[in-house]
Every structure is written in structure tokens, then in C-alpha cells.
Amino acid sequence: MLIDCYECKAKVSDTAASCPHCGALPADSDRSLSVAVSDLDMKFSTIFWFLIKASFAAVPAVVVLYTASTIIGGVLSPLLHL
């Protein structure tokens, strides 16, 4: 049975996982779309450089967490007499 998409008002099957025109999920989207990775065919060098880039991207987060913990520790230490 065809129903109207609530986003773009196009005709969509009531069994469709999403609107083929705009990609909107159905209003009763308690069901989720499943994703399955069937084959991961990457060269070692691609994976290696991805991990290098990810480690460099994590550096600012570590700096922010270290700075926040130092500031919080500096404030709480005198209050708790540690």
C-alpha cells in the first residue's frame, strides 16, 4: 500500500525502510536499519596511515582532558586538604 511521506509528500510503500526520494524514516521508526560489513579489503598501508591519523587526531582531546584534570585537581586539592 502506498502512503504519503511526511517530509516530501511523495508516494512511498508502507513497508519501505525509508523514503527513496528524501531518505526520511517512517514516523513509526522504532525499527532500525541494520548494517552488515561483509568484506573489508584494505591494504596494510591504508590501515597503517589511518591509525597514524587517528592517533594525531586524539592528541587535542588528551591535552584538553589533562588541562581540565589539572585545573580541577588544583581547585579541589586545597579544599579537600590533600
N, C-alpha and C. Protein backbone atom coordinates (compact mmCIF):
# COMPACT_ATOMS: atom_id res chain seq x y z
N MET A 1 0.85 -1.17 0.00
CA MET A 1 0.00 0.00 0.00
C MET A 1 0.90 1.24 0.00
N LEU A 2 0.53 2.24 -0.75
CA LEU A 2 1.31 3.47 -0.82
C LEU A 2 0.79 4.49 0.19
N ILE A 3 1.72 5.13 0.86
CA ILE A 3 1.39 6.18 1.82
C ILE A 3 2.16 7.43 1.42
N ASP A 4 1.79 8.57 1.99
CA ASP A 4 2.49 9.82 1.73
C ASP A 4 3.64 9.98 2.71
N CYS A 5 4.82 10.34 2.19
CA CYS A 5 5.96 10.64 3.05
C CYS A 5 5.66 11.92 3.81
N TYR A 6 5.94 11.93 5.10
CA TYR A 6 5.64 13.11 5.90
C TYR A 6 6.59 14.27 5.62
N GLU A 7 7.75 13.98 5.00
CA GLU A 7 8.71 15.03 4.68
C GLU A 7 8.43 15.66 3.32
N CYS A 8 8.42 14.83 2.25
CA CYS A 8 8.34 15.37 0.90
C CYS A 8 6.98 15.10 0.23
N LYS A 9 6.10 14.41 0.93
CA LYS A 9 4.73 14.12 0.44
C LYS A 9 4.71 13.23 -0.80
N ALA A 10 5.80 12.52 -1.09
CA ALA A 10 5.83 11.59 -2.22
C ALA A 10 5.15 10.29 -1.82
N LYS A 11 4.73 9.52 -2.79
CA LYS A 11 4.12 8.23 -2.53
C LYS A 11 5.22 7.21 -2.23
N VAL A 12 5.09 6.52 -1.08
CA VAL A 12 6.09 5.57 -0.62
C VAL A 12 5.37 4.31 -0.16
N SER A 13 5.99 3.16 -0.36
CA SER A 13 5.43 1.92 0.14
C SER A 13 5.43 1.93 1.66
N ASP A 14 4.39 1.35 2.27
CA ASP A 14 4.33 1.33 3.72
C ASP A 14 5.33 0.34 4.33
N THR A 15 5.95 -0.49 3.52
CA THR A 15 6.96 -1.41 4.02
C THR A 15 8.38 -0.92 3.77
N ALA A 16 8.54 0.25 3.15
CA ALA A 16 9.87 0.78 2.86
C ALA A 16 10.57 1.19 4.15
N ALA A 17 11.89 0.96 4.20
CA ALA A 17 12.67 1.34 5.37
C ALA A 17 12.84 2.84 5.46
N SER A 18 12.86 3.52 4.31
CA SER A 18 12.97 4.97 4.28
C SER A 18 12.41 5.46 2.95
N CYS A 19 12.16 6.74 2.86
CA CYS A 19 11.64 7.33 1.63
C CYS A 19 12.73 7.32 0.56
N PRO A 20 12.47 6.76 -0.61
CA PRO A 20 13.51 6.75 -1.65
C PRO A 20 13.79 8.13 -2.24
N HIS A 21 12.91 9.10 -2.00
CA HIS A 21 13.07 10.44 -2.56
C HIS A 21 13.90 11.33 -1.65
N CYS A 22 13.55 11.34 -0.36
CA CYS A 22 14.25 12.26 0.56
C CYS A 22 15.03 11.54 1.66
N GLY A 23 14.82 10.23 1.82
CA GLY A 23 15.56 9.47 2.81
C GLY A 23 14.97 9.51 4.21
N ALA A 24 13.80 10.12 4.37
CA ALA A 24 13.20 10.22 5.70
C ALA A 24 12.75 8.84 6.18
N LEU A 25 12.96 8.59 7.47
CA LEU A 25 12.49 7.35 8.08
C LEU A 25 11.00 7.46 8.34
N PRO A 26 10.30 6.34 8.39
CA PRO A 26 8.87 6.41 8.68
C PRO A 26 8.60 7.00 10.06
N ALA A 27 7.41 7.54 10.24
CA ALA A 27 7.07 8.17 11.52
C ALA A 27 7.15 7.17 12.66
N ASP A 28 6.84 5.90 12.41
CA ASP A 28 6.94 4.88 13.45
C ASP A 28 8.26 4.13 13.31
N SER A 29 9.35 4.87 13.36
CA SER A 29 10.67 4.27 13.10
C SER A 29 11.25 3.63 14.35
N ASP A 30 10.48 2.78 15.00
CA ASP A 30 11.02 2.03 16.12
C ASP A 30 11.92 0.91 15.61
N ARG A 31 11.79 0.59 14.35
CA ARG A 31 12.71 -0.37 13.73
C ARG A 31 13.93 0.40 13.24
N SER A 32 15.08 -0.24 13.29
CA SER A 32 16.29 0.43 12.85
C SER A 32 16.83 -0.28 11.61
N LEU A 33 17.62 0.44 10.87
CA LEU A 33 18.24 -0.13 9.69
C LEU A 33 19.49 -0.86 10.11
N SER A 34 19.65 -2.09 9.66
CA SER A 34 20.83 -2.85 10.04
C SER A 34 21.92 -2.65 9.00
N VAL A 35 23.15 -2.67 9.49
CA VAL A 35 24.31 -2.53 8.62
C VAL A 35 25.20 -3.74 8.87
N ALA A 36 25.60 -4.39 7.81
CA ALA A 36 26.48 -5.55 7.93
C ALA A 36 27.69 -5.34 7.02
N VAL A 37 28.88 -5.47 7.60
CA VAL A 37 30.10 -5.37 6.82
C VAL A 37 30.45 -6.78 6.38
N SER A 38 30.40 -7.02 5.09
CA SER A 38 30.64 -8.38 4.61
C SER A 38 32.10 -8.61 4.24
N ASP A 39 32.79 -7.57 3.79
CA ASP A 39 34.18 -7.75 3.38
C ASP A 39 34.92 -6.44 3.58
N LEU A 40 36.03 -6.52 4.26
CA LEU A 40 36.87 -5.35 4.48
C LEU A 40 38.20 -5.63 3.81
N ASP A 41 38.34 -5.17 2.60
CA ASP A 41 39.52 -5.45 1.80
C ASP A 41 40.35 -4.18 1.68
N MET A 42 41.26 -3.98 2.65
CA MET A 42 42.10 -2.79 2.66
C MET A 42 43.56 -3.21 2.68
N LYS A 43 44.39 -2.42 2.04
CA LYS A 43 45.82 -2.69 2.09
C LYS A 43 46.35 -2.32 3.47
N PHE A 44 47.46 -2.97 3.85
CA PHE A 44 48.06 -2.70 5.15
C PHE A 44 48.47 -1.24 5.28
N SER A 45 49.00 -0.67 4.22
CA SER A 45 49.46 0.73 4.28
C SER A 45 48.29 1.68 4.52
N THR A 46 47.12 1.37 3.97
CA THR A 46 45.93 2.20 4.19
C THR A 46 45.52 2.17 5.64
N ILE A 47 45.49 0.98 6.22
CA ILE A 47 45.12 0.85 7.63
C ILE A 47 46.16 1.53 8.51
N PHE A 48 47.46 1.35 8.18
CA PHE A 48 48.54 1.96 8.96
C PHE A 48 48.40 3.48 8.99
N TRP A 49 48.19 4.11 7.82
CA TRP A 49 48.08 5.57 7.79
C TRP A 49 46.80 6.06 8.46
N PHE A 50 45.74 5.27 8.38
CA PHE A 50 44.52 5.63 9.09
C PHE A 50 44.77 5.66 10.60
N LEU A 51 45.48 4.66 11.12
CA LEU A 51 45.78 4.63 12.56
C LEU A 51 46.71 5.76 12.98
N ILE A 52 47.65 6.13 12.13
CA ILE A 52 48.54 7.27 12.41
C ILE A 52 47.72 8.55 12.50
N LYS A 53 46.82 8.75 11.52
CA LYS A 53 45.98 9.96 11.53
C LYS A 53 45.06 9.98 12.74
N ALA A 54 44.50 8.83 13.11
CA ALA A 54 43.62 8.77 14.28
C ALA A 54 44.37 9.10 15.56
N SER A 55 45.61 8.64 15.67
CA SER A 55 46.39 8.94 16.88
C SER A 55 46.72 10.43 16.97
N PHE A 56 47.01 11.06 15.84
CA PHE A 56 47.26 12.51 15.86
C PHE A 56 45.97 13.29 16.16
N ALA A 57 44.84 12.78 15.70
CA ALA A 57 43.58 13.46 15.98
C ALA A 57 43.21 13.37 17.44
N ALA A 58 43.71 12.36 18.16
CA ALA A 58 43.39 12.19 19.57
C ALA A 58 44.21 13.11 20.47
N VAL A 59 45.30 13.67 19.96
CA VAL A 59 46.19 14.50 20.78
C VAL A 59 45.47 15.70 21.38
N PRO A 60 44.69 16.50 20.64
CA PRO A 60 44.00 17.63 21.27
C PRO A 60 43.04 17.20 22.38
N ALA A 61 42.39 16.07 22.23
CA ALA A 61 41.48 15.59 23.28
C ALA A 61 42.26 15.26 24.55
N VAL A 62 43.41 14.65 24.39
CA VAL A 62 44.25 14.32 25.56
C VAL A 62 44.72 15.60 26.24
N VAL A 63 45.11 16.59 25.47
CA VAL A 63 45.56 17.87 26.04
C VAL A 63 44.43 18.53 26.81
N VAL A 64 43.23 18.54 26.25
CA VAL A 64 42.09 19.16 26.93
C VAL A 64 41.76 18.41 28.21
N LEU A 65 41.75 17.09 28.18
CA LEU A 65 41.45 16.31 29.39
C LEU A 65 42.52 16.50 30.46
N TYR A 66 43.79 16.54 30.05
CA TYR A 66 44.86 16.76 31.01
C TYR A 66 44.76 18.14 31.65
N THR A 67 44.48 19.16 30.84
CA THR A 67 44.35 20.52 31.36
C THR A 67 43.17 20.63 32.31
N ALA A 68 42.04 20.04 31.94
CA ALA A 68 40.86 20.08 32.81
C ALA A 68 41.12 19.37 34.12
N SER A 69 41.76 18.21 34.07
CA SER A 69 42.02 17.47 35.32
C SER A 69 43.02 18.22 36.20
N THR A 70 43.99 18.90 35.59
CA THR A 70 44.95 19.69 36.37
C THR A 70 44.25 20.86 37.05
N ILE A 71 43.38 21.54 36.34
CA ILE A 71 42.67 22.69 36.91
C ILE A 71 41.72 22.22 38.01
N ILE A 72 40.97 21.18 37.75
CA ILE A 72 40.04 20.67 38.76
C ILE A 72 40.80 20.17 39.98
N GLY A 73 41.91 19.46 39.74
CA GLY A 73 42.73 18.98 40.86
C GLY A 73 43.33 20.13 41.65
N GLY A 74 43.75 21.19 40.96
CA GLY A 74 44.30 22.35 41.65
C GLY A 74 43.26 23.09 42.47
N VAL A 75 42.01 23.07 42.04
CA VAL A 75 40.93 23.73 42.80
C VAL A 75 40.50 22.87 43.97
N LEU A 76 40.36 21.57 43.73
CA LEU A 76 39.84 20.69 44.78
C LEU A 76 40.88 20.32 45.84
N SER A 77 42.14 20.29 45.48
CA SER A 77 43.20 19.88 46.42
C SER A 77 43.22 20.75 47.68
N PRO A 78 43.21 22.08 47.59
CA PRO A 78 43.18 22.88 48.83
C PRO A 78 41.88 22.75 49.59
N LEU A 79 40.79 22.52 48.86
CA LEU A 79 39.51 22.39 49.52
C LEU A 79 39.40 21.09 50.32
N LEU A 80 40.04 20.05 49.82
CA LEU A 80 39.97 18.74 50.47
C LEU A 80 41.19 18.46 51.35
N HIS A 81 42.13 19.41 51.41
CA HIS A 81 43.36 19.30 52.22
C HIS A 81 44.13 18.04 51.89
N LEU A 82 44.36 17.81 50.60
CA LEU A 82 45.12 16.64 50.17
C LEU A 82 46.56 16.98 50.04
